[in-house]
Structure formats: C-alpha cells, structure tokens
C-alpha cells in the first residue's frame, strides 16, 4: 500500500511538470473542425480570404498585425494544372 501511494505521488509530481495546453496566439495555425475553439480569447479560427490554411485571427482579419491573418504571408491557392494533351 505504501509503495502504491509513493508511485501515485511520483506520477502526480511528474504531471505538474508538463505544461498545460494553451490556446493559439494570433497568427498561429488552428483546426476549425475541433469541437472547441483552439485559439486564445478574442481570436477565432478562420481562413482569411486569400489563404488556403486556417489561423487564429481577430474576427476582422484586416485589423490584425499578423501577416498570416491579413493574408500577406499565408500560402496562396495553387492554380489548377492543365494537361497539354497527348502528342
């Protein structure tokens, strides 16, 4: 019994050393398909109009200082590849 209590105490001590999960900061990538908002308070997981990925941004991404939210740094959609046909 004493050994079990020591083991549980050691496990609890180790768990306290693991950092807690914190929300995404402005400009961090996020997953809009989660059942919860994984962004910090005041931010929403959105895909700015010029982006193909989603980021934690203010509701109006044009007011963001993040280049990912305002669209200047996020990956752009790739144009479709057309087949030149057979020779």
Protein backbone atom coordinates (compact mmCIF):
# COMPACT_ATOMS: atom_id res chain seq x y z
CA UNK A 1 0.00 0.00 0.00
CA UNK A 2 2.82 2.38 0.92
CA UNK A 3 4.52 1.66 -2.41
CA UNK A 4 1.31 2.50 -4.33
CA UNK A 5 1.00 5.84 -2.54
CA UNK A 6 4.60 6.68 -3.39
CA UNK A 7 4.02 5.76 -7.04
CA UNK A 8 0.90 7.92 -7.24
CA UNK A 9 2.76 10.80 -5.64
CA UNK A 10 5.58 10.47 -8.17
CA UNK A 11 3.13 10.41 -11.08
CA UNK A 12 1.31 13.48 -9.74
CA UNK A 13 4.62 15.33 -9.38
CA UNK A 14 5.59 14.50 -12.96
CA UNK A 15 2.23 15.63 -14.31
CA UNK A 16 2.72 19.00 -12.64
CA UNK A 17 5.89 19.49 -14.68
CA UNK A 18 4.08 19.09 -18.01
CA UNK A 19 2.99 22.49 -19.31
CA UNK A 20 -0.73 22.99 -19.74
CA UNK A 21 -2.09 23.34 -23.25
CA UNK A 22 -2.59 26.97 -24.08
CA UNK A 23 -4.63 28.41 -26.91
CA UNK A 24 -3.32 29.54 -30.23
CA UNK A 25 -1.91 33.03 -30.41
CA UNK A 26 -2.66 35.48 -33.20
CA UNK A 27 -1.28 34.09 -36.46
CA UNK A 28 -0.91 30.50 -35.18
CA UNK A 29 -2.39 27.74 -37.34
CA UNK A 30 -5.55 26.16 -35.96
CA UNK A 31 -8.12 23.49 -36.72
CA UNK A 32 -11.67 24.76 -37.37
CA UNK A 33 -13.07 21.21 -37.21
CA UNK A 34 -12.47 20.80 -33.47
CA UNK A 35 -15.40 20.78 -31.06
CA UNK A 36 -13.83 23.79 -29.30
CA UNK A 37 -12.03 26.97 -30.29
CA UNK A 38 -8.30 26.26 -30.00
CA UNK A 39 -7.40 29.96 -30.23
CA UNK A 40 -6.82 32.43 -27.39
CA UNK A 41 -9.68 34.61 -26.16
CA UNK A 42 -10.74 37.20 -28.72
CA UNK A 43 -9.44 35.14 -31.64
CA UNK A 44 -11.29 32.81 -34.00
CA UNK A 45 -10.03 30.01 -36.19
CA UNK A 46 -10.62 31.33 -39.71
CA UNK A 47 -9.19 31.13 -43.21
CA UNK A 48 -8.53 34.68 -44.41
CA UNK A 49 -9.92 35.25 -47.91
CA UNK A 50 -6.55 34.88 -49.63
CA UNK A 51 -5.42 31.80 -47.66
CA UNK A 52 -5.76 28.06 -48.04
CA UNK A 53 -4.98 27.42 -44.36
CA UNK A 54 -6.70 28.48 -41.14
CA UNK A 55 -5.19 30.73 -38.47
CA UNK A 56 -6.11 32.22 -35.10
CA UNK A 57 -7.17 35.75 -36.03
CA UNK A 58 -9.46 38.53 -34.88
CA UNK A 59 -12.98 38.38 -36.35
CA UNK A 60 -11.90 41.11 -38.78
CA UNK A 61 -8.53 39.79 -40.05
CA UNK A 62 -7.74 43.09 -41.79
CA UNK A 63 -7.24 44.63 -38.33
CA UNK A 64 -4.57 42.07 -37.45
CA UNK A 65 -0.86 42.79 -37.25
CA UNK A 66 -0.14 39.16 -38.16
CA UNK A 67 0.92 38.67 -41.77
CA UNK A 68 -0.91 35.31 -41.73
CA UNK A 69 -4.21 36.91 -40.70
CA UNK A 70 -4.04 39.84 -43.08
CA UNK A 71 -3.13 37.47 -45.94
CA UNK A 72 0.31 38.73 -46.90
CA UNK A 73 2.27 35.70 -45.64
CA UNK A 74 -0.14 32.78 -45.83
CA UNK A 75 0.12 30.17 -48.60
CA UNK A 76 -1.82 31.10 -51.71
CA UNK A 77 -4.03 28.66 -53.62
CA UNK A 78 -2.17 26.92 -56.40
CA UNK A 79 -3.61 27.35 -59.88
CA UNK A 80 -5.04 24.21 -61.47
CA UNK A 81 -2.67 22.27 -63.72
CA UNK A 82 -3.98 21.75 -67.22
CA UNK A 83 -3.00 18.76 -69.28
CA UNK A 84 -1.44 19.75 -72.60
CA UNK A 85 -2.80 16.54 -74.13
CA UNK A 86 -1.10 13.70 -75.98
CA UNK A 87 1.23 14.35 -78.92
